[in-house]
Amino acid sequence: MNTLNDIWNRLKKSGFLIVFGICSFYFVINAIKGDRGIFRYLYLKSKVAAATQNLARYEAQKKDLEKKVAMLSEQSLDLDYLEERARIVLNMVKDGEYVILDKDIDNDKKTL
């Protein structure tokens, strides 16, 4: 038991405990706030979640566009859709039809 006290006293006098304490403090702070710390992990986790949501949204848009392209292909031409697209692109209407302009519709298309 006396030898353990002697070792402890020598460690106190040598400054080893101070160096050990400073090193421990440094590693704990880096584990929390460092480039690979907890805060960085949580930040990157939220970025991955946001990117996953964007991916799902873009995949849905891609499927919608692929469906529209398929309707305009030569193998399966949808005449109603072709007429609708021609009217939109050429800004034309049939005789006897009315055009109702809505600003909100244009804003919705721009956000896509």
PDB file of N, CA and C in Angstrom:
ATOM      1  N   MET A   1       0.828  -1.187   0.000  1.00  0.00           N
ATOM      2  CA  MET A   1       0.000   0.000   0.000  1.00  0.00           C
ATOM      3  C   MET A   1       0.867   1.243   0.000  1.00  0.00           C
ATOM      4  N   ASN A   2       1.985   1.133   0.636  1.00  0.00           N
ATOM      5  CA  ASN A   2       2.889   2.266   0.708  1.00  0.00           C
ATOM      6  C   ASN A   2       3.489   2.582  -0.657  1.00  0.00           C
ATOM      7  N   THR A   3       3.699   1.555  -1.452  1.00  0.00           N
ATOM      8  CA  THR A   3       4.277   1.784  -2.775  1.00  0.00           C
ATOM      9  C   THR A   3       3.304   2.521  -3.700  1.00  0.00           C
ATOM     10  N   LEU A   4       1.996   2.252  -3.577  1.00  0.00           N
ATOM     11  CA  LEU A   4       1.011   2.961  -4.392  1.00  0.00           C
ATOM     12  C   LEU A   4       0.991   4.442  -4.039  1.00  0.00           C
ATOM     13  N   ASN A   5       1.092   4.753  -2.764  1.00  0.00           N
ATOM     14  CA  ASN A   5       1.146   6.161  -2.352  1.00  0.00           C
ATOM     15  C   ASN A   5       2.404   6.829  -2.880  1.00  0.00           C
ATOM     16  N   ASP A   6       3.507   6.112  -2.854  1.00  0.00           N
ATOM     17  CA  ASP A   6       4.752   6.664  -3.382  1.00  0.00           C
ATOM     18  C   ASP A   6       4.630   6.952  -4.882  1.00  0.00           C
ATOM     19  N   ILE A   7       4.028   6.021  -5.604  1.00  0.00           N
ATOM     20  CA  ILE A   7       3.846   6.213  -7.055  1.00  0.00           C
ATOM     21  C   ILE A   7       2.920   7.407  -7.317  1.00  0.00           C
ATOM     22  N   TRP A   8       1.851   7.485  -6.566  1.00  0.00           N
ATOM     23  CA  TRP A   8       0.896   8.591  -6.716  1.00  0.00           C
ATOM     24  C   TRP A   8       1.562   9.933  -6.427  1.00  0.00           C
ATOM     25  N   ASN A   9       2.351  10.003  -5.387  1.00  0.00           N
ATOM     26  CA  ASN A   9       3.048  11.246  -5.047  1.00  0.00           C
ATOM     27  C   ASN A   9       4.058  11.622  -6.123  1.00  0.00           C
ATOM     28  N   ARG A  10       4.744  10.663  -6.684  1.00  0.00           N
ATOM     29  CA  ARG A  10       5.712  10.947  -7.745  1.00  0.00           C
ATOM     30  C   ARG A  10       5.002  11.455  -9.006  1.00  0.00           C
ATOM     31  N   LEU A  11       3.824  10.860  -9.296  1.00  0.00           N
ATOM     32  CA  LEU A  11       3.066  11.328 -10.454  1.00  0.00           C
ATOM     33  C   LEU A  11       2.605  12.767 -10.261  1.00  0.00           C
ATOM     34  N   LYS A  12       2.167  13.102  -9.052  1.00  0.00           N
ATOM     35  CA  LYS A  12       1.742  14.462  -8.755  1.00  0.00           C
ATOM     36  C   LYS A  12       2.894  15.435  -8.955  1.00  0.00           C
ATOM     37  N   LYS A  13       4.042  15.081  -8.475  1.00  0.00           N
ATOM     38  CA  LYS A  13       5.199  15.974  -8.552  1.00  0.00           C
ATOM     39  C   LYS A  13       5.734  16.090  -9.980  1.00  0.00           C
ATOM     40  N   SER A  14       5.606  15.050 -10.761  1.00  0.00           N
ATOM     41  CA  SER A  14       6.180  15.079 -12.105  1.00  0.00           C
ATOM     42  C   SER A  14       5.334  15.888 -13.089  1.00  0.00           C
ATOM     43  N   GLY A  15       4.106  16.186 -12.774  1.00  0.00           N
ATOM     44  CA  GLY A  15       3.238  16.932 -13.680  1.00  0.00           C
ATOM     45  C   GLY A  15       2.514  16.043 -14.680  1.00  0.00           C
ATOM     46  N   PHE A  16       2.659  14.756 -14.525  1.00  0.00           N
ATOM     47  CA  PHE A  16       2.001  13.829 -15.437  1.00  0.00           C
ATOM     48  C   PHE A  16       0.490  14.000 -15.386  1.00  0.00           C
ATOM     49  N   LEU A  17      -0.065  14.215 -14.221  1.00  0.00           N
ATOM     50  CA  LEU A  17      -1.522  14.361 -14.100  1.00  0.00           C
ATOM     51  C   LEU A  17      -2.005  15.614 -14.826  1.00  0.00           C
ATOM     52  N   ILE A  18      -1.206  16.662 -14.789  1.00  0.00           N
ATOM     53  CA  ILE A  18      -1.599  17.890 -15.483  1.00  0.00           C
ATOM     54  C   ILE A  18      -1.598  17.647 -16.996  1.00  0.00           C
ATOM     55  N   VAL A  19      -0.554  17.022 -17.493  1.00  0.00           N
ATOM     56  CA  VAL A  19      -0.477  16.722 -18.922  1.00  0.00           C
ATOM     57  C   VAL A  19      -1.596  15.766 -19.324  1.00  0.00           C
ATOM     58  N   PHE A  20      -1.837  14.754 -18.505  1.00  0.00           N
ATOM     59  CA  PHE A  20      -2.918  13.814 -18.786  1.00  0.00           C
ATOM     60  C   PHE A  20      -4.273  14.527 -18.790  1.00  0.00           C
ATOM     61  N   GLY A  21      -4.484  15.423 -17.860  1.00  0.00           N
ATOM     62  CA  GLY A  21      -5.738  16.179 -17.796  1.00  0.00           C
ATOM     63  C   GLY A  21      -5.927  17.070 -19.011  1.00  0.00           C
ATOM     64  N   ILE A  22      -4.866  17.738 -19.437  1.00  0.00           N
ATOM     65  CA  ILE A  22      -4.954  18.609 -20.610  1.00  0.00           C
ATOM     66  C   ILE A  22      -5.226  17.786 -21.869  1.00  0.00           C
ATOM     67  N   CYS A  23      -4.536  16.694 -22.010  1.00  0.00           N
ATOM     68  CA  CYS A  23      -4.771  15.822 -23.178  1.00  0.00           C
ATOM     69  C   CYS A  23      -6.193  15.267 -23.177  1.00  0.00           C
ATOM     70  N   SER A  24      -6.668  14.864 -22.016  1.00  0.00           N
ATOM     71  CA  SER A  24      -8.038  14.340 -21.920  1.00  0.00           C
ATOM     72  C   SER A  24      -9.041  15.417 -22.304  1.00  0.00           C
ATOM     73  N   PHE A  25      -8.831  16.635 -21.807  1.00  0.00           N
ATOM     74  CA  PHE A  25      -9.713  17.754 -22.127  1.00  0.00           C
ATOM     75  C   PHE A  25      -9.715  18.011 -23.633  1.00  0.00           C
ATOM     76  N   TYR A  26      -8.541  18.000 -24.249  1.00  0.00           N
ATOM     77  CA  TYR A  26      -8.414  18.224 -25.693  1.00  0.00           C
ATOM     78  C   TYR A  26      -9.206  17.179 -26.483  1.00  0.00           C
ATOM     79  N   PHE A  27      -9.049  15.917 -26.131  1.00  0.00           N
ATOM     80  CA  PHE A  27      -9.737  14.857 -26.868  1.00  0.00           C
ATOM     81  C   PHE A  27     -11.243  14.883 -26.646  1.00  0.00           C
ATOM     82  N   VAL A  28     -11.677  15.242 -25.462  1.00  0.00           N
ATOM     83  CA  VAL A  28     -13.120  15.329 -25.188  1.00  0.00           C
ATOM     84  C   VAL A  28     -13.734  16.465 -25.993  1.00  0.00           C
ATOM     85  N   ILE A  29     -13.076  17.621 -26.035  1.00  0.00           N
ATOM     86  CA  ILE A  29     -13.601  18.753 -26.813  1.00  0.00           C
ATOM     87  C   ILE A  29     -13.655  18.391 -28.289  1.00  0.00           C
ATOM     88  N   ASN A  30     -12.616  17.738 -28.808  1.00  0.00           N
ATOM     89  CA  ASN A  30     -12.632  17.341 -30.220  1.00  0.00           C
ATOM     90  C   ASN A  30     -13.678  16.277 -30.499  1.00  0.00           C
ATOM     91  N   ALA A  31     -13.945  15.423 -29.544  1.00  0.00           N
ATOM     92  CA  ALA A  31     -14.980  14.405 -29.734  1.00  0.00           C
ATOM     93  C   ALA A  31     -16.365  15.043 -29.803  1.00  0.00           C
ATOM     94  N   ILE A  32     -16.498  16.206 -29.200  1.00  0.00           N
ATOM     95  CA  ILE A  32     -17.790  16.890 -29.216  1.00  0.00           C
ATOM     96  C   ILE A  32     -17.892  17.866 -30.384  1.00  0.00           C
ATOM     97  N   LYS A  33     -16.881  18.729 -30.542  1.00  0.00           N
ATOM     98  CA  LYS A  33     -16.971  19.803 -31.525  1.00  0.00           C
ATOM     99  C   LYS A  33     -16.033  19.666 -32.711  1.00  0.00           C
ATOM    100  N   GLY A  34     -15.252  18.664 -32.806  1.00  0.00           N
ATOM    101  CA  GLY A  34     -14.276  18.529 -33.883  1.00  0.00           C
ATOM    102  C   GLY A  34     -14.902  18.173 -35.216  1.00  0.00           C
ATOM    103  N   ASP A  35     -14.042  17.995 -36.230  1.00  0.00           N
ATOM    104  CA  ASP A  35     -14.515  17.655 -37.573  1.00  0.00           C
ATOM    105  C   ASP A  35     -15.222  16.306 -37.608  1.00  0.00           C
ATOM    106  N   ARG A  36     -14.871  15.437 -36.703  1.00  0.00           N
ATOM    107  CA  ARG A  36     -15.527  14.125 -36.630  1.00  0.00           C
ATOM    108  C   ARG A  36     -16.266  13.950 -35.310  1.00  0.00           C
ATOM    109  N   GLY A  37     -16.694  15.065 -34.734  1.00  0.00           N
ATOM    110  CA  GLY A  37     -17.358  15.036 -33.439  1.00  0.00           C
ATOM    111  C   GLY A  37     -18.855  14.833 -33.535  1.00  0.00           C
ATOM    112  N   ILE A  38     -19.492  14.913 -32.405  1.00  0.00           N
ATOM    113  CA  ILE A  38     -20.935  14.658 -32.299  1.00  0.00           C
ATOM    114  C   ILE A  38     -21.737  15.724 -33.041  1.00  0.00           C
ATOM    115  N   PHE A  39     -21.358  17.015 -32.861  1.00  0.00           N
ATOM    116  CA  PHE A  39     -22.109  18.077 -33.531  1.00  0.00           C
ATOM    117  C   PHE A  39     -21.996  17.961 -35.050  1.00  0.00           C
ATOM    118  N   ARG A  40     -20.834  17.629 -35.534  1.00  0.00           N
ATOM    119  CA  ARG A  40     -20.644  17.467 -36.970  1.00  0.00           C
ATOM    120  C   ARG A  40     -21.460  16.272 -37.482  1.00  0.00           C
ATOM    121  N   TYR A  41     -21.510  15.205 -36.713  1.00  0.00           N
ATOM    122  CA  TYR A  41     -22.302  14.034 -37.076  1.00  0.00           C
ATOM    123  C   TYR A  41     -23.786  14.402 -37.197  1.00  0.00           C
ATOM    124  N   LEU A  42     -24.292  15.151 -36.224  1.00  0.00           N
ATOM    125  CA  LEU A  42     -25.700  15.540 -36.260  1.00  0.00           C
ATOM    126  C   LEU A  42     -25.979  16.465 -37.445  1.00  0.00           C
ATOM    127  N   TYR A  43     -25.049  17.374 -37.728  1.00  0.00           N
ATOM    128  CA  TYR A  43     -25.201  18.265 -38.870  1.00  0.00           C
ATOM    129  C   TYR A  43     -25.245  17.476 -40.176  1.00  0.00           C
ATOM    130  N   LEU A  44     -24.314  16.552 -40.340  1.00  0.00           N
ATOM    131  CA  LEU A  44     -24.279  15.752 -41.562  1.00  0.00           C
ATOM    132  C   LEU A  44     -25.487  14.834 -41.680  1.00  0.00           C
ATOM    133  N   LYS A  45     -25.975  14.364 -40.553  1.00  0.00           N
ATOM    134  CA  LYS A  45     -27.165  13.513 -40.561  1.00  0.00           C
ATOM    135  C   LYS A  45     -28.376  14.294 -41.065  1.00  0.00           C
ATOM    136  N   SER A  46     -28.506  15.562 -40.652  1.00  0.00           N
ATOM    137  CA  SER A  46     -29.619  16.382 -41.133  1.00  0.00           C
ATOM    138  C   SER A  46     -29.456  16.704 -42.612  1.00  0.00           C
ATOM    139  N   LYS A  47     -28.218  16.901 -43.074  1.00  0.00           N
ATOM    140  CA  LYS A  47     -27.983  17.158 -44.489  1.00  0.00           C
ATOM    141  C   LYS A  47     -28.342  15.937 -45.333  1.00  0.00           C
ATOM    142  N   VAL A  48     -28.033  14.752 -44.834  1.00  0.00           N
ATOM    143  CA  VAL A  48     -28.378  13.524 -45.555  1.00  0.00           C
ATOM    144  C   VAL A  48     -29.893  13.364 -45.631  1.00  0.00           C
ATOM    145  N   ALA A  49     -30.583  13.691 -44.551  1.00  0.00           N
ATOM    146  CA  ALA A  49     -32.050  13.591 -44.560  1.00  0.00           C
ATOM    147  C   ALA A  49     -32.644  14.557 -45.579  1.00  0.00           C
ATOM    148  N   ALA A  50     -32.124  15.774 -45.633  1.00  0.00           N
ATOM    149  CA  ALA A  50     -32.615  16.751 -46.611  1.00  0.00           C
ATOM    150  C   ALA A  50     -32.314  16.289 -48.030  1.00  0.00           C
ATOM    151  N   ALA A  51     -31.127  15.737 -48.256  1.00  0.00           N
ATOM    152  CA  ALA A  51     -30.767  15.245 -49.585  1.00  0.00           C
ATOM    153  C   ALA A  51     -31.648  14.067 -49.992  1.00  0.00           C
ATOM    154  N   THR A  52     -32.006  13.232 -49.037  1.00  0.00           N
ATOM    155  CA  THR A  52     -32.887  12.095 -49.327  1.00  0.00           C
ATOM    156  C   THR A  52     -34.271  12.587 -49.747  1.00  0.00           C
ATOM    157  N   GLN A  53     -34.762  13.624 -49.078  1.00  0.00           N
ATOM    158  CA  GLN A  53     -36.054  14.194 -49.460  1.00  0.00           C
ATOM    159  C   GLN A  53     -35.988  14.791 -50.861  1.00  0.00           C
ATOM    160  N   ASN A  54     -34.894  15.498 -51.159  1.00  0.00           N
ATOM    161  CA  ASN A  54     -34.733  16.058 -52.501  1.00  0.00           C
ATOM    162  C   ASN A  54     -34.674  14.951 -53.546  1.00  0.00           C
ATOM    163  N   LEU A  55     -33.983  13.878 -53.224  1.00  0.00           N
ATOM    164  CA  LEU A  55     -33.889  12.748 -54.153  1.00  0.00           C
ATOM    165  C   LEU A  55     -35.267  12.175 -54.447  1.00  0.00           C
ATOM    166  N   ALA A  56     -36.069  11.997 -53.419  1.00  0.00           N
ATOM    167  CA  ALA A  56     -37.423  11.449 -53.617  1.00  0.00           C
ATOM    168  C   ALA A  56     -38.255  12.390 -54.489  1.00  0.00           C
ATOM    169  N   ARG A  57     -38.130  13.696 -54.243  1.00  0.00           N
ATOM    170  CA  ARG A  57     -38.887  14.665 -55.032  1.00  0.00           C
ATOM    171  C   ARG A  57     -38.433  14.647 -56.497  1.00  0.00           C
ATOM    172  N   TYR A  58     -37.119  14.602 -56.720  1.00  0.00           N
ATOM    173  CA  TYR A  58     -36.612  14.589 -58.088  1.00  0.00           C
ATOM    174  C   TYR A  58     -36.945  13.281 -58.804  1.00  0.00           C
ATOM    175  N   GLU A  59     -36.959  12.184 -58.089  1.00  0.00           N
ATOM    176  CA  GLU A  59     -37.350  10.921 -58.714  1.00  0.00           C
ATOM    177  C   GLU A  59     -38.811  10.947 -59.143  1.00  0.00           C
ATOM    178  N   ALA A  60     -39.665  11.573 -58.333  1.00  0.00           N
ATOM    179  CA  ALA A  60     -41.078  11.697 -58.699  1.00  0.00           C
ATOM    180  C   ALA A  60     -41.227  12.583 -59.936  1.00  0.00           C
ATOM    181  N   GLN A  61     -40.469  13.676 -59.989  1.00  0.00           N
ATOM    182  CA  GLN A  61     -40.512  14.542 -61.171  1.00  0.00           C
ATOM    183  C   GLN A  61     -40.000  13.796 -62.406  1.00  0.00           C
ATOM    184  N   LYS A  62     -38.955  13.013 -62.221  1.00  0.00           N
ATOM    185  CA  LYS A  62     -38.391  12.257 -63.335  1.00  0.00           C
ATOM    186  C   LYS A  62     -39.404  11.253 -63.880  1.00  0.00           C
ATOM    187  N   LYS A  63     -40.103  10.550 -62.972  1.00  0.00           N
ATOM    188  CA  LYS A  63     -41.120   9.592 -63.410  1.00  0.00           C
ATOM    189  C   LYS A  63     -42.235  10.292 -64.174  1.00  0.00           C
ATOM    190  N   ASP A  64     -42.636  11.479 -63.685  1.00  0.00           N
ATOM    191  CA  ASP A  64     -43.685  12.234 -64.355  1.00  0.00           C
ATOM    192  C   ASP A  64     -43.234  12.654 -65.751  1.00  0.00           C
ATOM    193  N   LEU A  65     -42.006  13.132 -65.860  1.00  0.00           N
ATOM    194  CA  LEU A  65     -41.490  13.534 -67.171  1.00  0.00           C
ATOM    195  C   LEU A  65     -41.335  12.331 -68.103  1.00  0.00           C
ATOM    196  N   GLU A  66     -40.885  11.204 -67.577  1.00  0.00           N
ATOM    197  CA  GLU A  66     -40.770  10.006 -68.408  1.00  0.00           C
ATOM    198  C   GLU A  66     -42.145   9.560 -68.925  1.00  0.00           C
ATOM    199  N   LYS A  67     -43.151   9.697 -68.079  1.00  0.00           N
ATOM    200  CA  LYS A  67     -44.512   9.333 -68.490  1.00  0.00           C
ATOM    201  C   LYS A  67     -44.988  10.252 -69.606  1.00  0.00           C
ATOM    202  N   LYS A  68     -44.691  11.552 -69.465  1.00  0.00           N
ATOM    203  CA  LYS A  68     -45.105  12.496 -70.501  1.00  0.00           C
ATOM    204  C   LYS A  68     -44.362  12.244 -71.806  1.00  0.00           C
ATOM    205  N   VAL A  69     -43.095  11.940 -71.719  1.00  0.00           N
ATOM    206  CA  VAL A  69     -42.318  11.635 -72.926  1.00  0.00           C
ATOM    207  C   VAL A  69     -42.843  10.361 -73.577  1.00  0.00           C
ATOM    208  N   ALA A  70     -43.203   9.379 -72.771  1.00  0.00           N
ATOM    209  CA  ALA A  70     -43.730   8.132 -73.322  1.00  0.00           C
ATOM    210  C   ALA A  70     -45.048   8.371 -74.061  1.00  0.00           C
ATOM    211  N   MET A  71     -45.848   9.321 -73.570  1.00  0.00           N
ATOM    212  CA  MET A  71     -47.107   9.620 -74.244  1.00  0.00           C
ATOM    213  C   MET A  71     -46.884  10.316 -75.580  1.00  0.00           C
ATOM    214  N   LEU A  72     -45.734  10.935 -75.773  1.00  0.00           N
ATOM    215  CA  LEU A  72     -45.445  11.622 -77.029  1.00  0.00           C
ATOM    216  C   LEU A  72     -44.599  10.782 -77.980  1.00  0.00           C
ATOM    217  N   SER A  73     -44.235   9.580 -77.583  1.00  0.00           N
ATOM    218  CA  SER A  73     -43.413   8.743 -78.453  1.00  0.00           C
ATOM    219  C   SER A  73     -44.253   8.191 -79.605  1.00  0.00           C
ATOM    220  N   GLU A  74     -43.597   7.783 -80.658  1.00  0.00           N
ATOM    221  CA  GLU A  74     -44.300   7.283 -81.838  1.00  0.00           C
ATOM    222  C   GLU A  74     -45.049   5.981 -81.571  1.00  0.00           C
ATOM    223  N   GLN A  75     -44.532   5.151 -80.672  1.00  0.00           N
ATOM    224  CA  GLN A  75     -45.160   3.861 -80.415  1.00  0.00           C
ATOM    225  C   GLN A  75     -46.506   4.006 -79.683  1.00  0.00           C
ATOM    226  N   SER A  76     -46.608   4.968 -78.792  1.00  0.00           N
ATOM    227  CA  SER A  76     -47.851   5.125 -78.021  1.00  0.00           C
ATOM    228  C   SER A  76     -48.211   6.604 -77.942  1.00  0.00           C
ATOM    229  N   LEU A  77     -48.640   7.155 -79.036  1.00  0.00           N
ATOM    230  CA  LEU A  77     -48.960   8.569 -79.117  1.00  0.00           C
ATOM    231  C   LEU A  77     -50.352   8.822 -78.538  1.00  0.00           C
ATOM    232  N   ASP A  78     -50.422   9.653 -77.533  1.00  0.00           N
ATOM    233  CA  ASP A  78     -51.690  10.039 -76.927  1.00  0.00           C
ATOM    234  C   ASP A  78     -52.128  11.352 -77.577  1.00  0.00           C
ATOM    235  N   LEU A  79     -53.161  11.300 -78.387  1.00  0.00           N
ATOM    236  CA  LEU A  79     -53.570  12.471 -79.163  1.00  0.00           C
ATOM    237  C   LEU A  79     -54.102  13.594 -78.277  1.00  0.00           C
ATOM    238  N   ASP A  80     -54.772  13.239 -77.195  1.00  0.00           N
ATOM    239  CA  ASP A  80     -55.268  14.275 -76.287  1.00  0.00           C
ATOM    240  C   ASP A  80     -54.115  15.033 -75.633  1.00  0.00           C
ATOM    241  N   TYR A  81     -53.110  14.302 -75.227  1.00  0.00           N
ATOM    242  CA  TYR A  81     -51.954  14.956 -74.608  1.00  0.00           C
ATOM    243  C   TYR A  81     -51.193  15.787 -75.637  1.00  0.00           C
ATOM    244  N   LEU A  82     -51.089  15.293 -76.855  1.00  0.00           N
ATOM    245  CA  LEU A  82     -50.418  16.033 -77.924  1.00  0.00           C
ATOM    246  C   LEU A  82     -51.148  17.340 -78.206  1.00  0.00           C
ATOM    247  N   GLU A  83     -52.479  17.274 -78.253  1.00  0.00           N
ATOM    248  CA  GLU A  83     -53.268  18.486 -78.474  1.00  0.00           C
ATOM    249  C   GLU A  83     -53.083  19.480 -77.325  1.00  0.00           C
ATOM    250  N   GLU A  84     -53.072  18.979 -76.110  1.00  0.00           N
ATOM    251  CA  GLU A  84     -52.884  19.844 -74.941  1.00  0.00           C
ATOM    252  C   GLU A  84     -51.523  20.549 -74.999  1.00  0.00           C
ATOM    253  N   ARG A  85     -50.474  19.794 -75.319  1.00  0.00           N
ATOM    254  CA  ARG A  85     -49.129  20.384 -75.396  1.00  0.00           C
ATOM    255  C   ARG A  85     -49.043  21.408 -76.531  1.00  0.00           C
ATOM    256  N   ALA A  86     -49.659  21.094 -77.667  1.00  0.00           N
ATOM    257  CA  ALA A  86     -49.634  22.027 -78.799  1.00  0.00           C
ATOM    258  C   ALA A  86     -50.338  23.325 -78.436  1.00  0.00           C
ATOM    259  N   ARG A  87     -51.441  23.231 -77.724  1.00  0.00           N
ATOM    260  CA  ARG A  87     -52.148  24.447 -77.303  1.00  0.00           C
ATOM    261  C   ARG A  87     -51.303  25.283 -76.352  1.00  0.00           C
ATOM    262  N   ILE A  88     -50.630  24.626 -75.440  1.00  0.00           N
ATOM    263  CA  ILE A  88     -49.816  25.356 -74.475  1.00  0.00           C
ATOM    264  C   ILE A  88     -48.625  26.023 -75.162  1.00  0.00           C
ATOM    265  N   VAL A  89     -47.956  25.283 -76.016  1.00  0.00           N
ATOM    266  CA  VAL A  89     -46.756  25.809 -76.673  1.00  0.00           C
ATOM    267  C   VAL A  89     -47.110  26.909 -77.673  1.00  0.00           C
ATOM    268  N   LEU A  90     -48.178  26.722 -78.445  1.00  0.00           N
ATOM    269  CA  LEU A  90     -48.539  27.682 -79.488  1.00  0.00           C
ATOM    270  C   LEU A  90     -49.485  28.775 -78.999  1.00  0.00           C
ATOM    271  N   ASN A  91     -49.959  28.686 -77.773  1.00  0.00           N
ATOM    272  CA  ASN A  91     -50.905  29.668 -77.204  1.00  0.00           C
ATOM    273  C   ASN A  91     -52.140  29.819 -78.088  1.00  0.00           C
ATOM    274  N   MET A  92     -52.748  28.707 -78.444  1.00  0.00           N
ATOM    275  CA  MET A  92     -53.922  28.736 -79.305  1.00  0.00           C
ATOM    276  C   MET A  92     -55.089  28.046 -78.611  1.00  0.00           C
ATOM    277  N   VAL A  93     -56.306  28.478 -79.013  1.00  0.00           N
ATOM    278  CA  VAL A  93     -57.528  27.856 -78.502  1.00  0.00           C
ATOM    279  C   VAL A  93     -58.469  27.598 -79.669  1.00  0.00           C
ATOM    280  N   LYS A  94     -59.444  26.735 -79.450  1.00  0.00           N
ATOM    281  CA  LYS A  94     -60.454  26.461 -80.478  1.00  0.00           C
ATOM    282  C   LYS A  94     -61.519  27.550 -80.441  1.00  0.00           C
ATOM    283  N   ASP A  95     -62.296  27.642 -81.493  1.00  0.00           N
ATOM    284  CA  ASP A  95     -63.408  28.588 -81.537  1.00  0.00           C
ATOM    285  C   ASP A  95     -64.429  28.196 -80.471  1.00  0.00           C
ATOM    286  N   GLY A  96     -64.939  29.173 -79.771  1.00  0.00           N
ATOM    287  CA  GLY A  96     -65.951  28.927 -78.762  1.00  0.00           C
ATOM    288  C   GLY A  96     -65.381  28.606 -77.384  1.00  0.00           C
ATOM    289  N   GLU A  97     -64.078  28.570 -77.243  1.00  0.00           N
ATOM    290  CA  GLU A  97     -63.467  28.307 -75.939  1.00  0.00           C
ATOM    291  C   GLU A  97     -63.083  29.618 -75.275  1.00  0.00           C
ATOM    292  N   TYR A  98     -63.082  29.597 -73.956  1.00  0.00           N
ATOM    293  CA  TYR A  98     -62.697  30.768 -73.181  1.00  0.00           C
ATOM    294  C   TYR A  98     -61.384  30.484 -72.469  1.00  0.00           C
ATOM    295  N   VAL A  99     -60.575  31.521 -72.336  1.00  0.00           N
ATOM    296  CA  VAL A  99     -59.290  31.391 -71.648  1.00  0.00           C
ATOM    297  C   VAL A  99     -59.385  32.157 -70.337  1.00  0.00           C
ATOM    298  N   ILE A 100     -59.080  31.495 -69.252  1.00  0.00           N
ATOM    299  CA  ILE A 100     -59.069  32.126 -67.927  1.00  0.00           C
ATOM    300  C   ILE A 100     -57.628  32.159 -67.460  1.00  0.00           C
ATOM    301  N   LEU A 101     -57.100  33.344 -67.254  1.00  0.00           N
ATOM    302  CA  LEU A 101     -55.715  33.504 -66.827  1.00  0.00           C
ATOM    303  C   LEU A 101     -55.649  33.509 -65.306  1.00  0.00           C
ATOM    304  N   ASP A 102     -54.732  32.751 -64.768  1.00  0.00           N
ATOM    305  CA  ASP A 102     -54.571  32.654 -63.322  1.00  0.00           C
ATOM    306  C   ASP A 102     -53.086  32.808 -62.997  1.00  0.00           C
ATOM    307  N   LYS A 103     -52.735  33.815 -62.217  1.00  0.00           N
ATOM    308  CA  LYS A 103     -51.333  34.075 -61.884  1.00  0.00           C
ATOM    309  C   LYS A 103     -50.741  32.959 -61.026  1.00  0.00           C
ATOM    310  N   ASP A 104     -51.541  32.355 -60.170  1.00  0.00           N
ATOM    311  CA  ASP A 104     -51.040  31.315 -59.268  1.00  0.00           C
ATOM    312  C   ASP A 104     -50.568  30.080 -60.031  1.00  0.00           C
ATOM    313  N   ILE A 105     -51.184  29.767 -61.124  1.00  0.00           N
ATOM    314  CA  ILE A 105     -50.784  28.596 -61.904  1.00  0.00           C
ATOM    315  C   ILE A 105     -49.377  28.797 -62.453  1.00  0.00           C
ATOM    316  N   ASP A 106     -49.084  29.995 -62.948  1.00  0.00           N
ATOM    317  CA  ASP A 106     -47.745  30.273 -63.470  1.00  0.00           C
ATOM    318  C   ASP A 106     -46.697  30.182 -62.374  1.00  0.00           C
ATOM    319  N   ASN A 107     -47.017  30.651 -61.185  1.00  0.00           N
ATOM    320  CA  ASN A 107     -46.059  30.586 -60.059  1.00  0.00           C
ATOM    321  C   ASN A 107     -45.808  29.142 -59.645  1.00  0.00           C
ATOM    322  N   ASP A 108     -46.831  28.300 -59.687  1.00  0.00           N
ATOM    323  CA  ASP A 108     -46.649  26.893 -59.320  1.00  0.00           C
ATOM    324  C   ASP A 108     -45.736  26.184 -60.302  1.00  0.00           C
ATOM    325  N   LYS A 109     -45.840  26.507 -61.579  1.00  0.00           N
ATOM    326  CA  LYS A 109     -44.992  25.859 -62.588  1.00  0.00           C
ATOM    327  C   LYS A 109     -43.544  26.296 -62.453  1.00  0.00           C
ATOM    328  N   LYS A 110     -43.309  27.530 -62.011  1.00  0.00           N
ATOM    329  CA  LYS A 110     -41.940  28.016 -61.873  1.00  0.00           C
ATOM    330  C   LYS A 110     -41.219  27.348 -60.708  1.00  0.00           C
ATOM    331  N   THR A 111     -41.960  26.962 -59.663  1.00  0.00           N
ATOM    332  CA  THR A 111     -41.323  26.338 -58.499  1.00  0.00           C
ATOM    333  C   THR A 111     -40.902  24.906 -58.774  1.00  0.00           C
ATOM    334  N   LEU A 112     -41.464  24.281 -59.789  1.00  0.00           N
ATOM    335  CA  LEU A 112     -41.080  22.911 -60.103  1.00  0.00           C
ATOM    336  C   LEU A 112     -39.716  22.932 -60.691  1.00  0.00           C
TER     337      LEU A 112
END
